[in-house]
C-alpha atoms as a PDB file:
ATOM      1  CA  MET A   1     113.813  78.369  98.823  1.00  0.00           C
ATOM      2  CA  LEU A   2     110.720  78.107 101.075  1.00  0.00           C
ATOM      3  CA  ASP A   3     111.589  74.623 102.308  1.00  0.00           C
ATOM      4  CA  GLN A   4     114.867  75.771 103.877  1.00  0.00           C
ATOM      5  CA  PRO A   5     114.832  76.094 107.697  1.00  0.00           C
ATOM      6  CA  GLU A   6     116.007  79.711 107.735  1.00  0.00           C
ATOM      7  CA  ASN A   7     112.940  80.782 105.751  1.00  0.00           C
ATOM      8  CA  HIS A   8     109.979  80.978 108.101  1.00  0.00           C
ATOM      9  CA  ILE A   9     106.686  81.859 106.458  1.00  0.00           C
ATOM     10  CA  ALA A  10     105.095  84.660 108.471  1.00  0.00           C
ATOM     11  CA  GLY A  11     102.037  84.977 106.262  1.00  0.00           C
ATOM     12  CA  TRP A  12     100.735  85.264 102.749  1.00  0.00           C
ATOM     13  CA  VAL A  13      99.885  88.154 100.462  1.00  0.00           C
ATOM     14  CA  TYR A  14      96.968  87.771  98.061  1.00  0.00           C
ATOM     15  CA  LEU A  15      96.944  89.960  94.961  1.00  0.00           C
ATOM     16  CA  GLY A  16      93.942  89.658  92.734  1.00  0.00           C
ATOM     17  CA  SER A  17      90.885  91.024  91.066  1.00  0.00           C
ATOM     18  CA  HIS A  18      88.360  89.169  93.219  1.00  0.00           C
ATOM     19  CA  ASN A  19      85.588  90.949  94.986  1.00  0.00           C
ATOM     20  CA  ALA A  20      82.807  89.664  97.215  1.00  0.00           C
ATOM     21  CA  THR A  21      80.126  89.332  94.551  1.00  0.00           C
ATOM     22  CA  GLN A  22      78.406  86.240  93.250  1.00  0.00           C
ATOM     23  CA  ALA A  23      79.758  87.027  89.784  1.00  0.00           C
ATOM     24  CA  ALA A  24      83.334  86.793  91.077  1.00  0.00           C
ATOM     25  CA  TRP A  25      83.044  83.738  93.332  1.00  0.00           C
ATOM     26  CA  GLY A  26      80.301  81.788  91.573  1.00  0.00           C
ATOM     27  CA  LYS A  27      77.074  80.253  92.818  1.00  0.00           C
ATOM     28  CA  ALA A  28      76.758  76.768  94.313  1.00  0.00           C
ATOM     29  CA  THR A  29      73.662  74.922  93.049  1.00  0.00           C
ATOM     30  CA  LEU A  30      72.393  71.397  92.419  1.00  0.00           C
ATOM     31  CA  SER A  31      72.195  70.062  88.881  1.00  0.00           C
ATOM     32  CA  ARG A  32      68.642  69.483  87.648  1.00  0.00           C
ATOM     33  CA  GLU A  33      69.080  65.943  86.403  1.00  0.00           C
ATOM     34  CA  LYS A  34      71.396  64.254  88.903  1.00  0.00           C
ATOM     35  CA  LYS A  35      70.953  66.627  91.865  1.00  0.00           C
ATOM     36  CA  CYS A  36      74.745  66.813  92.174  1.00  0.00           C
ATOM     37  CA  PRO A  37      76.504  69.932  93.491  1.00  0.00           C
ATOM     38  CA  LYS A  38      77.887  72.272  90.848  1.00  0.00           C
ATOM     39  CA  ILE A  39      79.285  75.769  90.670  1.00  0.00           C
ATOM     40  CA  SER A  40      78.094  78.301  88.114  1.00  0.00           C
ATOM     41  CA  MET A  41      80.535  81.110  87.311  1.00  0.00           C
ATOM     42  CA  ASN A  42      79.889  84.227  85.271  1.00  0.00           C
ATOM     43  CA  ASN A  43      83.391  85.699  85.430  1.00  0.00           C
ATOM     44  CA  TRP A  44      86.907  84.343  85.637  1.00  0.00           C
ATOM     45  CA  GLU A  45      89.106  86.120  88.138  1.00  0.00           C
ATOM     46  CA  LEU A  46      92.863  85.966  88.562  1.00  0.00           C
ATOM     47  CA  GLY A  47      94.704  85.900  91.857  1.00  0.00           C
ATOM     48  CA  VAL A  48      98.244  85.203  92.983  1.00  0.00           C
ATOM     49  CA  VAL A  49      99.308  84.133  96.482  1.00  0.00           C
ATOM     50  CA  LEU A  50     102.842  85.034  97.570  1.00  0.00           C
ATOM     51  CA  PRO A  51     104.602  83.991 100.788  1.00  0.00           C
ATOM     52  CA  ILE A  52     105.973  86.544 103.238  1.00  0.00           C
ATOM     53  CA  SER A  53     109.238  85.327 104.714  1.00  0.00           C
ATOM     54  CA  ASP A  54     110.046  86.141 108.343  1.00  0.00           C
ATOM     55  CA  LYS A  55     113.790  86.551 108.576  1.00  0.00           C
ATOM     56  CA  GLY A  56     113.683  87.401 112.266  1.00  0.00           C
ATOM     57  CA  GLY A  57     113.586  91.138 111.721  1.00  0.00           C
ATOM     58  CA  ASP A  58     111.135  93.848 112.587  1.00  0.00           C
ATOM     59  CA  ILE A  59     107.554  92.877 111.680  1.00  0.00           C
ATOM     60  CA  ARG A  60     107.076  96.281 110.004  1.00  0.00           C
ATOM     61  CA  HIS A  61     109.509  95.150 107.283  1.00  0.00           C
ATOM     62  CA  LEU A  62     107.958  91.772 106.409  1.00  0.00           C
ATOM     63  CA  CYS A  63     106.945  92.949 102.932  1.00  0.00           C
ATOM     64  CA  ASP A  64     110.166  94.800 102.056  1.00  0.00           C
ATOM     65  CA  ASP A  65     111.305  92.011  99.725  1.00  0.00           C
ATOM     66  CA  LEU A  66     107.916  91.613  98.045  1.00  0.00           C
ATOM     67  CA  PRO A  67     108.352  92.429  94.336  1.00  0.00           C
ATOM     68  CA  VAL A  68     105.974  95.157  93.168  1.00  0.00           C
ATOM     69  CA  PRO A  69     105.866  97.121  89.891  1.00  0.00           C
ATOM     70  CA  PHE A  70     106.427 100.505  91.523  1.00  0.00           C
ATOM     71  CA  VAL A  71     109.025 102.279  93.665  1.00  0.00           C
ATOM     72  CA  ARG A  72     108.677 101.980  97.446  1.00  0.00           C
ATOM     73  CA  PRO A  73     108.513 104.041  99.488  1.00  0.00           C
ATOM     74  CA  ALA A  74     106.628 106.429  97.248  1.00  0.00           C
ATOM     75  CA  GLU A  75     107.988 109.916  96.759  1.00  0.00           C
ATOM     76  CA  LYS A  76     106.376 112.538  98.956  1.00  0.00           C
ATOM     77  CA  TYR A  77     104.295 115.190  97.231  1.00  0.00           C
ATOM     78  CA  GLN A  78     105.972 118.574  96.954  1.00  0.00           C
ATOM     79  CA  SER A  79     104.216 121.611  98.412  1.00  0.00           C
ATOM     80  CA  ASP A  80     103.174 122.753  94.904  1.00  0.00           C
ATOM     81  CA  GLN A  81     101.742 119.329  93.913  1.00  0.00           C
ATOM     82  CA  GLU A  82      98.226 118.026  94.393  1.00  0.00           C
ATOM     83  CA  PRO A  83      97.519 114.286  94.759  1.00  0.00           C
ATOM     84  CA  TRP A  84      95.672 112.719  91.827  1.00  0.00           C
ATOM     85  CA  THR A  85      92.093 111.661  92.469  1.00  0.00           C
ATOM     86  CA  GLN A  86      89.396 110.177  90.265  1.00  0.00           C
ATOM     87  CA  ASN A  87      87.438 113.442  90.436  1.00  0.00           C
ATOM     88  CA  LEU A  88      90.415 115.650  89.600  1.00  0.00           C
ATOM     89  CA  TRP A  89      88.911 116.817  86.296  1.00  0.00           C
ATOM     90  CA  SER A  90      85.277 117.181  87.339  1.00  0.00           C
END
């Protein structure tokens, strides 16, 4: 699929639970005994990298074929609806 000439990779999409904390990425240290580099991790994170294929179309539609678990484009809110927020019930 990706190795065929008509499929040009325009970029990559990363989907994951990582954040920029030491707990997520780990800490590089030296071992006490051998003074060798090691990485200490407190959490295990999951991430997936997916290619974005450039089929020669409009750049605004690069992600149209990207599989996601929801309907795109999202339905517009009706005039009598209010968007959900985390503080909706407070």
